[in-house]
Amino acid sequence: MTSTLSGTEFTSPRPRGGLVQGVRDSLVIAKRNLIRMSRIPEVIVFGVVQPVMFVVLFSYVFGGSIAVGGSTSPDAYREFLMAGIFAQTVTFATAGAGAGIADDMHKGLIDRFRSLPMARGAVLTGRTLADLVQTALTVVVLAVVALIVGWRTHENIAEVLAGFALLLLLGYAFSWIGALIGLSVRTPEAATSGGLIWLFPLTFISNAFVPSENMPALLRHIAEWNPFSATVQAARELFGNLPEGYPVPAAWPMQHPVLASVLWSLLIIVVFRTLAVRKYRSATA
């Protein structure tokens, strides 16, 4: 007996459209990644240990050595420092996001996801949302440690929460950079290296750890227009951690740090999400 399948075409399932379906698919992927993270607790533990070490080392090693607002008080520097440590923590999560996506690529999971009838971009959105949850947990632990070593806020709870929201928004924006890196390299190790190598100059040529007015002219201008610096400055204002008499630079992002932080973060999300989703459609394991 012979049968023919003339005229029959086999095609991959079409992605389901619609905003609601896209949200559902993204949440399913986010749940999958959160479950996987919970089964590897050492990743979360190591992610918390590093920023805690930064808090302790910078607070007690540099506290009293760096003048902030004309004061060399360790307490003044500790309050000045914490917004920078929070911002560094949320942006360093970029490396984890890139490594996770590169690992999925290496194992062929991305190819499997693309064969399913799911919304375009849901895999990446779900991954970045899961990373955002993990980052938020890290920030909570870090805030507790900061309170223990003497950090305090001096504004109302709404402004303090707004400061943390800006920090998490920056972290979410940078996770899309990590997603693009993870899709562009061949191994998780390369994604980790690629996700960190550019973060060090970004975070250190900023106002995170020292006042920008102490820098040479060129570095000062770079620091004042750095998206990272805008979020750090905004968090300091919302936390009430700017020392009395602290000179605010004349650069527009430093004069309007909250607005600048939001605009920078949204711009990064729009640009790098577009590039990452486009790369996702053509990337191969």
C-alpha atoms as a PDB file:
ATOM      1  CA  MET A   1       0.000   0.000   0.000  1.00  0.00           C
ATOM      2  CA  THR A   2       1.404   3.318  -1.041  1.00  0.00           C
ATOM      3  CA  SER A   3       0.235   6.683   0.126  1.00  0.00           C
ATOM      4  CA  THR A   4       1.336  10.130  -0.940  1.00  0.00           C
ATOM      5  CA  LEU A   5       1.242  13.429   0.884  1.00  0.00           C
ATOM      6  CA  SER A   6       1.245  15.650  -2.156  1.00  0.00           C
ATOM      7  CA  GLY A   7       0.318  19.249  -1.553  1.00  0.00           C
ATOM      8  CA  THR A   8       0.801  18.935   2.198  1.00  0.00           C
ATOM      9  CA  GLU A   9       3.074  21.484   3.844  1.00  0.00           C
ATOM     10  CA  PHE A  10       4.599  21.199   7.289  1.00  0.00           C
ATOM     11  CA  THR A  11       5.389  24.483   8.970  1.00  0.00           C
ATOM     12  CA  SER A  12       6.469  25.422  12.463  1.00  0.00           C
ATOM     13  CA  PRO A  13       3.684  26.616  14.764  1.00  0.00           C
ATOM     14  CA  ARG A  14       2.870  30.263  14.386  1.00  0.00           C
ATOM     15  CA  PRO A  15       3.470  32.428  17.424  1.00  0.00           C
ATOM     16  CA  ARG A  16       0.280  33.374  19.206  1.00  0.00           C
ATOM     17  CA  GLY A  17      -0.369  37.082  19.080  1.00  0.00           C
ATOM     18  CA  GLY A  18      -2.019  39.555  21.364  1.00  0.00           C
ATOM     19  CA  LEU A  19      -0.828  41.443  24.384  1.00  0.00           C
ATOM     20  CA  VAL A  20      -2.639  39.202  26.871  1.00  0.00           C
ATOM     21  CA  GLN A  21      -1.160  36.054  25.370  1.00  0.00           C
ATOM     22  CA  GLY A  22       2.278  37.637  25.326  1.00  0.00           C
ATOM     23  CA  VAL A  23       2.005  38.447  29.034  1.00  0.00           C
ATOM     24  CA  ARG A  24       0.870  34.887  29.816  1.00  0.00           C
ATOM     25  CA  ASP A  25       3.715  33.320  27.869  1.00  0.00           C
ATOM     26  CA  SER A  26       6.236  35.642  29.516  1.00  0.00           C
ATOM     27  CA  LEU A  27       4.946  34.775  32.993  1.00  0.00           C
ATOM     28  CA  VAL A  28       5.158  31.039  32.227  1.00  0.00           C
ATOM     29  CA  ILE A  29       8.805  31.434  31.202  1.00  0.00           C
ATOM     30  CA  ALA A  30       9.478  33.616  34.243  1.00  0.00           C
ATOM     31  CA  LYS A  31       8.010  30.940  36.509  1.00  0.00           C
ATOM     32  CA  ARG A  32      10.155  28.292  34.849  1.00  0.00           C
ATOM     33  CA  ASN A  33      13.298  30.342  35.452  1.00  0.00           C
ATOM     34  CA  LEU A  34      12.381  31.137  39.070  1.00  0.00           C
ATOM     35  CA  ILE A  35      11.851  27.434  39.791  1.00  0.00           C
ATOM     36  CA  ARG A  36      15.219  26.646  38.246  1.00  0.00           C
ATOM     37  CA  MET A  37      16.889  29.391  40.293  1.00  0.00           C
ATOM     38  CA  SER A  38      15.339  28.043  43.503  1.00  0.00           C
ATOM     39  CA  ARG A  39      16.897  24.644  42.768  1.00  0.00           C
ATOM     40  CA  ILE A  40      20.359  26.221  42.560  1.00  0.00           C
ATOM     41  CA  PRO A  41      20.467  28.217  45.824  1.00  0.00           C
ATOM     42  CA  GLU A  42      24.223  28.748  45.650  1.00  0.00           C
ATOM     43  CA  VAL A  43      23.683  31.143  42.725  1.00  0.00           C
ATOM     44  CA  ILE A  44      21.460  33.308  44.925  1.00  0.00           C
ATOM     45  CA  VAL A  45      23.840  33.035  47.895  1.00  0.00           C
ATOM     46  CA  PHE A  46      26.892  34.079  45.872  1.00  0.00           C
ATOM     47  CA  GLY A  47      24.862  36.872  44.295  1.00  0.00           C
ATOM     48  CA  VAL A  48      24.185  38.248  47.785  1.00  0.00           C
ATOM     49  CA  VAL A  49      27.683  37.729  49.210  1.00  0.00           C
ATOM     50  CA  GLN A  50      29.473  39.930  46.673  1.00  0.00           C
ATOM     51  CA  PRO A  51      27.506  43.172  47.311  1.00  0.00           C
ATOM     52  CA  VAL A  52      27.613  42.551  51.073  1.00  0.00           C
ATOM     53  CA  MET A  53      31.413  42.374  50.824  1.00  0.00           C
ATOM     54  CA  PHE A  54      31.432  45.656  48.903  1.00  0.00           C
ATOM     55  CA  VAL A  55      29.330  47.324  51.619  1.00  0.00           C
ATOM     56  CA  VAL A  56      31.586  46.177  54.434  1.00  0.00           C
ATOM     57  CA  LEU A  57      34.871  46.843  52.641  1.00  0.00           C
ATOM     58  CA  PHE A  58      33.988  50.265  51.263  1.00  0.00           C
ATOM     59  CA  SER A  59      32.341  51.358  54.519  1.00  0.00           C
ATOM     60  CA  TYR A  60      35.220  50.479  56.796  1.00  0.00           C
ATOM     61  CA  VAL A  61      38.214  50.773  54.452  1.00  0.00           C
ATOM     62  CA  PHE A  62      37.352  54.034  52.677  1.00  0.00           C
ATOM     63  CA  GLY A  63      35.061  55.548  55.306  1.00  0.00           C
ATOM     64  CA  GLY A  64      36.859  58.520  56.832  1.00  0.00           C
ATOM     65  CA  SER A  65      39.336  58.750  53.933  1.00  0.00           C
ATOM     66  CA  ILE A  66      37.087  60.331  51.301  1.00  0.00           C
ATOM     67  CA  ALA A  67      35.609  63.795  51.772  1.00  0.00           C
ATOM     68  CA  VAL A  68      31.934  64.136  50.898  1.00  0.00           C
ATOM     69  CA  GLY A  69      30.393  67.587  51.055  1.00  0.00           C
ATOM     70  CA  GLY A  70      33.449  68.845  52.941  1.00  0.00           C
ATOM     71  CA  SER A  71      33.154  66.136  55.606  1.00  0.00           C
ATOM     72  CA  THR A  72      35.372  63.084  56.094  1.00  0.00           C
ATOM     73  CA  SER A  73      32.969  61.493  58.567  1.00  0.00           C
ATOM     74  CA  PRO A  74      32.631  57.718  58.033  1.00  0.00           C
ATOM     75  CA  ASP A  75      28.876  58.057  58.573  1.00  0.00           C
ATOM     76  CA  ALA A  76      28.588  60.698  55.845  1.00  0.00           C
ATOM     77  CA  TYR A  77      30.519  58.548  53.384  1.00  0.00           C
ATOM     78  CA  ARG A  78      28.509  55.445  54.303  1.00  0.00           C
ATOM     79  CA  GLU A  79      25.234  57.182  53.443  1.00  0.00           C
ATOM     80  CA  PHE A  80      26.776  58.623  50.266  1.00  0.00           C
ATOM     81  CA  LEU A  81      28.085  55.175  49.304  1.00  0.00           C
ATOM     82  CA  MET A  82      24.988  53.025  49.628  1.00  0.00           C
ATOM     83  CA  ALA A  83      23.110  54.301  46.573  1.00  0.00           C
ATOM     84  CA  GLY A  84      26.193  53.475  44.500  1.00  0.00           C
ATOM     85  CA  ILE A  85      26.428  49.965  45.970  1.00  0.00           C
ATOM     86  CA  PHE A  86      22.719  49.352  45.303  1.00  0.00           C
ATOM     87  CA  ALA A  87      23.106  50.526  41.699  1.00  0.00           C
ATOM     88  CA  GLN A  88      26.228  48.412  41.183  1.00  0.00           C
ATOM     89  CA  THR A  89      24.398  45.363  42.523  1.00  0.00           C
ATOM     90  CA  VAL A  90      21.416  45.674  40.167  1.00  0.00           C
ATOM     91  CA  THR A  91      23.615  46.290  37.121  1.00  0.00           C
ATOM     92  CA  PHE A  92      26.040  43.445  37.845  1.00  0.00           C
ATOM     93  CA  ALA A  93      23.047  41.105  37.529  1.00  0.00           C
ATOM     94  CA  THR A  94      23.503  41.705  33.785  1.00  0.00           C
ATOM     95  CA  ALA A  95      26.224  39.058  33.705  1.00  0.00           C
ATOM     96  CA  GLY A  96      23.901  36.469  35.244  1.00  0.00           C
ATOM     97  CA  ALA A  97      21.158  37.244  32.743  1.00  0.00           C
ATOM     98  CA  GLY A  98      23.533  36.851  29.816  1.00  0.00           C
ATOM     99  CA  ALA A  99      25.045  33.640  31.181  1.00  0.00           C
ATOM    100  CA  GLY A 100      21.593  32.107  31.749  1.00  0.00           C
ATOM    101  CA  ILE A 101      20.447  32.800  28.210  1.00  0.00           C
ATOM    102  CA  ALA A 102      23.769  31.604  26.776  1.00  0.00           C
ATOM    103  CA  ASP A 103      23.367  28.388  28.776  1.00  0.00           C
ATOM    104  CA  ASP A 104      19.888  27.862  27.317  1.00  0.00           C
ATOM    105  CA  MET A 105      21.322  28.462  23.859  1.00  0.00           C
ATOM    106  CA  HIS A 106      24.156  26.007  24.461  1.00  0.00           C
ATOM    107  CA  LYS A 107      21.723  23.297  25.584  1.00  0.00           C
ATOM    108  CA  GLY A 108      19.377  23.861  22.653  1.00  0.00           C
ATOM    109  CA  LEU A 109      16.481  25.119  24.774  1.00  0.00           C
ATOM    110  CA  ILE A 110      16.138  28.328  22.799  1.00  0.00           C
ATOM    111  CA  ASP A 111      15.624  26.322  19.594  1.00  0.00           C
ATOM    112  CA  ARG A 112      12.967  24.270  21.395  1.00  0.00           C
ATOM    113  CA  PHE A 113      11.197  27.396  22.642  1.00  0.00           C
ATOM    114  CA  ARG A 114      11.169  28.868  19.147  1.00  0.00           C
ATOM    115  CA  SER A 115       9.398  25.776  17.837  1.00  0.00           C
ATOM    116  CA  LEU A 116       6.470  26.364  20.210  1.00  0.00           C
ATOM    117  CA  PRO A 117       3.439  28.541  19.390  1.00  0.00           C
ATOM    118  CA  MET A 118       4.311  31.299  21.839  1.00  0.00           C
ATOM    119  CA  ALA A 119       4.592  35.067  21.629  1.00  0.00           C
ATOM    120  CA  ARG A 120       7.776  36.449  20.158  1.00  0.00           C
ATOM    121  CA  GLY A 121       9.998  37.831  22.832  1.00  0.00           C
ATOM    122  CA  ALA A 122       8.242  35.907  25.627  1.00  0.00           C
ATOM    123  CA  VAL A 123      11.331  33.785  26.333  1.00  0.00           C
ATOM    124  CA  LEU A 124      13.533  36.830  26.801  1.00  0.00           C
ATOM    125  CA  THR A 125      10.899  38.820  28.684  1.00  0.00           C
ATOM    126  CA  GLY A 126      10.290  35.915  31.039  1.00  0.00           C
ATOM    127  CA  ARG A 127      13.995  35.514  31.659  1.00  0.00           C
ATOM    128  CA  THR A 128      14.520  39.206  32.420  1.00  0.00           C
ATOM    129  CA  LEU A 129      11.492  39.258  34.742  1.00  0.00           C
ATOM    130  CA  ALA A 130      12.874  36.287  36.677  1.00  0.00           C
ATOM    131  CA  ASP A 131      16.238  38.043  36.954  1.00  0.00           C
ATOM    132  CA  LEU A 132      14.429  41.146  38.220  1.00  0.00           C
ATOM    133  CA  VAL A 133      12.821  39.118  41.027  1.00  0.00           C
ATOM    134  CA  GLN A 134      16.190  37.666  42.009  1.00  0.00           C
ATOM    135  CA  THR A 135      17.754  41.137  41.949  1.00  0.00           C
ATOM    136  CA  ALA A 136      14.971  42.517  44.143  1.00  0.00           C
ATOM    137  CA  LEU A 137      15.620  39.801  46.738  1.00  0.00           C
ATOM    138  CA  THR A 138      19.326  40.634  46.686  1.00  0.00           C
ATOM    139  CA  VAL A 139      18.579  44.331  47.199  1.00  0.00           C
ATOM    140  CA  VAL A 140      16.365  43.543  50.196  1.00  0.00           C
ATOM    141  CA  VAL A 141      19.150  41.542  51.859  1.00  0.00           C
ATOM    142  CA  LEU A 142      21.671  44.240  51.005  1.00  0.00           C
ATOM    143  CA  ALA A 143      19.458  46.938  52.523  1.00  0.00           C
ATOM    144  CA  VAL A 144      19.253  44.973  55.775  1.00  0.00           C
ATOM    145  CA  VAL A 145      23.046  44.659  55.899  1.00  0.00           C
ATOM    146  CA  ALA A 146      23.388  48.383  55.153  1.00  0.00           C
ATOM    147  CA  LEU A 147      21.076  49.232  58.051  1.00  0.00           C
ATOM    148  CA  ILE A 148      23.185  47.036  60.322  1.00  0.00           C
ATOM    149  CA  VAL A 149      26.416  48.889  59.416  1.00  0.00           C
ATOM    150  CA  GLY A 150      24.787  52.271  59.974  1.00  0.00           C
ATOM    151  CA  TRP A 151      23.093  53.382  56.744  1.00  0.00           C
ATOM    152  CA  ARG A 152      19.905  55.406  57.228  1.00  0.00           C
ATOM    153  CA  THR A 153      17.336  57.108  55.004  1.00  0.00           C
ATOM    154  CA  HIS A 154      15.945  60.563  55.813  1.00  0.00           C
ATOM    155  CA  GLU A 155      12.876  60.841  53.594  1.00  0.00           C
ATOM    156  CA  ASN A 156       9.354  59.411  53.791  1.00  0.00           C
ATOM    157  CA  ILE A 157       8.634  55.806  52.874  1.00  0.00           C
ATOM    158  CA  ALA A 158       7.111  56.717  49.498  1.00  0.00           C
ATOM    159  CA  GLU A 159      10.292  58.456  48.336  1.00  0.00           C
ATOM    160  CA  VAL A 160      12.483  55.656  49.650  1.00  0.00           C
ATOM    161  CA  LEU A 161      10.426  53.064  47.752  1.00  0.00           C
ATOM    162  CA  ALA A 162      10.601  55.273  44.642  1.00  0.00           C
ATOM    163  CA  GLY A 163      14.394  55.232  44.972  1.00  0.00           C
ATOM    164  CA  PHE A 164      14.447  51.443  45.066  1.00  0.00           C
ATOM    165  CA  ALA A 165      12.023  51.338  42.115  1.00  0.00           C
ATOM    166  CA  LEU A 166      14.425  53.443  40.027  1.00  0.00           C
ATOM    167  CA  LEU A 167      17.281  51.118  40.950  1.00  0.00           C
ATOM    168  CA  LEU A 168      15.304  48.041  39.900  1.00  0.00           C
ATOM    169  CA  LEU A 169      14.225  49.761  36.684  1.00  0.00           C
ATOM    170  CA  LEU A 170      17.891  50.347  35.854  1.00  0.00           C
ATOM    171  CA  GLY A 171      18.657  46.710  36.673  1.00  0.00           C
ATOM    172  CA  TYR A 172      15.827  45.531  34.410  1.00  0.00           C
ATOM    173  CA  ALA A 173      17.068  47.773  31.599  1.00  0.00           C
ATOM    174  CA  PHE A 174      20.587  46.391  31.892  1.00  0.00           C
ATOM    175  CA  SER A 175      19.279  42.814  31.906  1.00  0.00           C
ATOM    176  CA  TRP A 176      18.240  43.381  28.279  1.00  0.00           C
ATOM    177  CA  ILE A 177      21.856  44.232  27.476  1.00  0.00           C
ATOM    178  CA  GLY A 178      22.771  40.953  29.147  1.00  0.00           C
ATOM    179  CA  ALA A 179      20.149  39.147  27.054  1.00  0.00           C
ATOM    180  CA  LEU A 180      21.660  40.495  23.846  1.00  0.00           C
ATOM    181  CA  ILE A 181      25.149  39.465  24.971  1.00  0.00           C
ATOM    182  CA  GLY A 182      23.912  35.981  25.908  1.00  0.00           C
ATOM    183  CA  LEU A 183      22.411  35.505  22.445  1.00  0.00           C
ATOM    184  CA  SER A 184      25.562  36.775  20.724  1.00  0.00           C
ATOM    185  CA  VAL A 185      28.194  34.493  22.290  1.00  0.00           C
ATOM    186  CA  ARG A 186      28.757  30.741  22.149  1.00  0.00           C
ATOM    187  CA  THR A 187      29.244  29.781  25.792  1.00  0.00           C
ATOM    188  CA  PRO A 188      27.984  30.862  29.250  1.00  0.00           C
ATOM    189  CA  GLU A 189      31.576  31.620  30.256  1.00  0.00           C
ATOM    190  CA  ALA A 190      31.918  34.083  27.403  1.00  0.00           C
ATOM    191  CA  ALA A 191      28.595  35.668  28.369  1.00  0.00           C
ATOM    192  CA  THR A 192      29.774  36.147  31.960  1.00  0.00           C
ATOM    193  CA  SER A 193      33.019  37.781  30.826  1.00  0.00           C
ATOM    194  CA  GLY A 194      31.252  39.875  28.204  1.00  0.00           C
ATOM    195  CA  GLY A 195      28.648  40.933  30.743  1.00  0.00           C
ATOM    196  CA  LEU A 196      31.205  42.175  33.271  1.00  0.00           C
ATOM    197  CA  ILE A 197      34.066  43.650  31.275  1.00  0.00           C
ATOM    198  CA  TRP A 198      32.193  46.827  30.300  1.00  0.00           C
ATOM    199  CA  LEU A 199      30.426  47.198  33.649  1.00  0.00           C
ATOM    200  CA  PHE A 200      33.585  48.024  35.600  1.00  0.00           C
ATOM    201  CA  PRO A 201      34.400  51.255  33.730  1.00  0.00           C
ATOM    202  CA  LEU A 202      30.698  52.138  33.640  1.00  0.00           C
ATOM    203  CA  THR A 203      30.333  51.871  37.422  1.00  0.00           C
ATOM    204  CA  PHE A 204      33.696  53.301  38.433  1.00  0.00           C
ATOM    205  CA  ILE A 205      33.633  56.275  36.027  1.00  0.00           C
ATOM    206  CA  SER A 206      30.578  57.542  37.851  1.00  0.00           C
ATOM    207  CA  ASN A 207      29.538  59.227  41.064  1.00  0.00           C
ATOM    208  CA  ALA A 208      28.898  55.886  42.786  1.00  0.00           C
ATOM    209  CA  PHE A 209      31.936  55.764  45.047  1.00  0.00           C
ATOM    210  CA  VAL A 210      33.505  59.221  44.909  1.00  0.00           C
ATOM    211  CA  PRO A 211      32.091  62.686  44.098  1.00  0.00           C
ATOM    212  CA  SER A 212      32.475  63.394  40.380  1.00  0.00           C
ATOM    213  CA  GLU A 213      33.894  66.888  41.010  1.00  0.00           C
ATOM    214  CA  ASN A 214      37.125  65.253  42.200  1.00  0.00           C
ATOM    215  CA  MET A 215      37.736  63.679  38.775  1.00  0.00           C
ATOM    216  CA  PRO A 216      39.735  65.108  35.843  1.00  0.00           C
ATOM    217  CA  ALA A 217      37.612  67.229  33.494  1.00  0.00           C
ATOM    218  CA  LEU A 218      37.064  64.564  30.805  1.00  0.00           C
ATOM    219  CA  LEU A 219      36.156  61.808  33.250  1.00  0.00           C
ATOM    220  CA  ARG A 220      33.932  64.214  35.179  1.00  0.00           C
ATOM    221  CA  HIS A 221      31.834  64.972  32.078  1.00  0.00           C
ATOM    222  CA  ILE A 222      31.567  61.264  31.257  1.00  0.00           C
ATOM    223  CA  ALA A 223      30.526  60.489  34.827  1.00  0.00           C
ATOM    224  CA  GLU A 224      27.897  63.225  34.922  1.00  0.00           C
ATOM    225  CA  TRP A 225      26.229  61.992  31.710  1.00  0.00           C
ATOM    226  CA  ASN A 226      26.546  58.322  32.647  1.00  0.00           C
ATOM    227  CA  PRO A 227      23.094  56.644  32.968  1.00  0.00           C
ATOM    228  CA  PHE A 228      24.432  54.833  36.007  1.00  0.00           C
ATOM    229  CA  SER A 229      25.305  58.157  37.689  1.00  0.00           C
ATOM    230  CA  ALA A 230      21.828  59.559  37.067  1.00  0.00           C
ATOM    231  CA  THR A 231      20.201  56.651  38.917  1.00  0.00           C
ATOM    232  CA  VAL A 232      22.721  56.864  41.760  1.00  0.00           C
ATOM    233  CA  GLN A 233      22.076  60.590  42.149  1.00  0.00           C
ATOM    234  CA  ALA A 234      18.302  60.060  42.006  1.00  0.00           C
ATOM    235  CA  ALA A 235      18.480  57.353  44.672  1.00  0.00           C
ATOM    236  CA  ARG A 236      20.564  59.589  46.934  1.00  0.00           C
ATOM    237  CA  GLU A 237      18.016  62.375  46.624  1.00  0.00           C
ATOM    238  CA  LEU A 238      15.069  60.066  47.293  1.00  0.00           C
ATOM    239  CA  PHE A 239      16.848  58.408  50.235  1.00  0.00           C
ATOM    240  CA  GLY A 240      17.889  61.775  51.666  1.00  0.00           C
ATOM    241  CA  ASN A 241      21.540  60.721  51.542  1.00  0.00           C
ATOM    242  CA  LEU A 242      23.061  63.829  49.957  1.00  0.00           C
ATOM    243  CA  PRO A 243      25.217  65.526  52.620  1.00  0.00           C
ATOM    244  CA  GLU A 244      24.443  69.112  53.586  1.00  0.00           C
ATOM    245  CA  GLY A 245      26.392  71.471  51.346  1.00  0.00           C
ATOM    246  CA  TYR A 246      27.065  68.805  48.714  1.00  0.00           C
ATOM    247  CA  PRO A 247      27.681  70.634  45.391  1.00  0.00           C
ATOM    248  CA  VAL A 248      25.362  69.353  42.688  1.00  0.00           C
ATOM    249  CA  PRO A 249      27.101  69.355  39.259  1.00  0.00           C
ATOM    250  CA  ALA A 250      25.705  71.663  36.568  1.00  0.00           C
ATOM    251  CA  ALA A 251      25.108  68.817  34.062  1.00  0.00           C
ATOM    252  CA  TRP A 252      21.417  68.340  33.233  1.00  0.00           C
ATOM    253  CA  PRO A 253      21.207  64.688  34.412  1.00  0.00           C
ATOM    254  CA  MET A 254      22.607  65.703  37.808  1.00  0.00           C
ATOM    255  CA  GLN A 255      20.196  68.630  38.086  1.00  0.00           C
ATOM    256  CA  HIS A 256      17.172  66.432  37.215  1.00  0.00           C
ATOM    257  CA  PRO A 257      18.352  62.954  38.224  1.00  0.00           C
ATOM    258  CA  VAL A 258      14.944  61.296  38.709  1.00  0.00           C
ATOM    259  CA  LEU A 259      13.711  62.269  35.250  1.00  0.00           C
ATOM    260  CA  ALA A 260      17.091  61.487  33.692  1.00  0.00           C
ATOM    261  CA  SER A 261      17.163  58.070  35.363  1.00  0.00           C
ATOM    262  CA  VAL A 262      13.717  57.141  34.044  1.00  0.00           C
ATOM    263  CA  LEU A 263      14.507  58.378  30.527  1.00  0.00           C
ATOM    264  CA  TRP A 264      17.861  56.570  30.370  1.00  0.00           C
ATOM    265  CA  SER A 265      16.367  53.292  31.621  1.00  0.00           C
ATOM    266  CA  LEU A 266      13.412  53.399  29.214  1.00  0.00           C
ATOM    267  CA  LEU A 267      15.712  54.219  26.302  1.00  0.00           C
ATOM    268  CA  ILE A 268      17.974  51.275  27.136  1.00  0.00           C
ATOM    269  CA  ILE A 269      14.965  48.932  27.398  1.00  0.00           C
ATOM    270  CA  VAL A 270      13.519  50.028  24.052  1.00  0.00           C
ATOM    271  CA  VAL A 271      16.824  49.824  22.167  1.00  0.00           C
ATOM    272  CA  PHE A 272      18.214  46.609  23.618  1.00  0.00           C
ATOM    273  CA  ARG A 273      14.903  44.739  23.803  1.00  0.00           C
ATOM    274  CA  THR A 274      14.426  45.432  20.090  1.00  0.00           C
ATOM    275  CA  LEU A 275      17.943  44.227  19.297  1.00  0.00           C
ATOM    276  CA  ALA A 276      17.663  41.183  21.570  1.00  0.00           C
ATOM    277  CA  VAL A 277      14.328  40.020  20.129  1.00  0.00           C
ATOM    278  CA  ARG A 278      15.672  40.459  16.617  1.00  0.00           C
ATOM    279  CA  LYS A 279      18.772  38.446  17.529  1.00  0.00           C
ATOM    280  CA  TYR A 280      16.595  35.785  19.182  1.00  0.00           C
ATOM    281  CA  ARG A 281      14.764  35.119  15.908  1.00  0.00           C
ATOM    282  CA  SER A 282      17.977  34.247  14.085  1.00  0.00           C
ATOM    283  CA  ALA A 283      20.260  32.906  16.833  1.00  0.00           C
ATOM    284  CA  THR A 284      21.264  29.244  16.666  1.00  0.00           C
ATOM    285  CA  ALA A 285      22.780  27.003  19.312  1.00  0.00           C
END
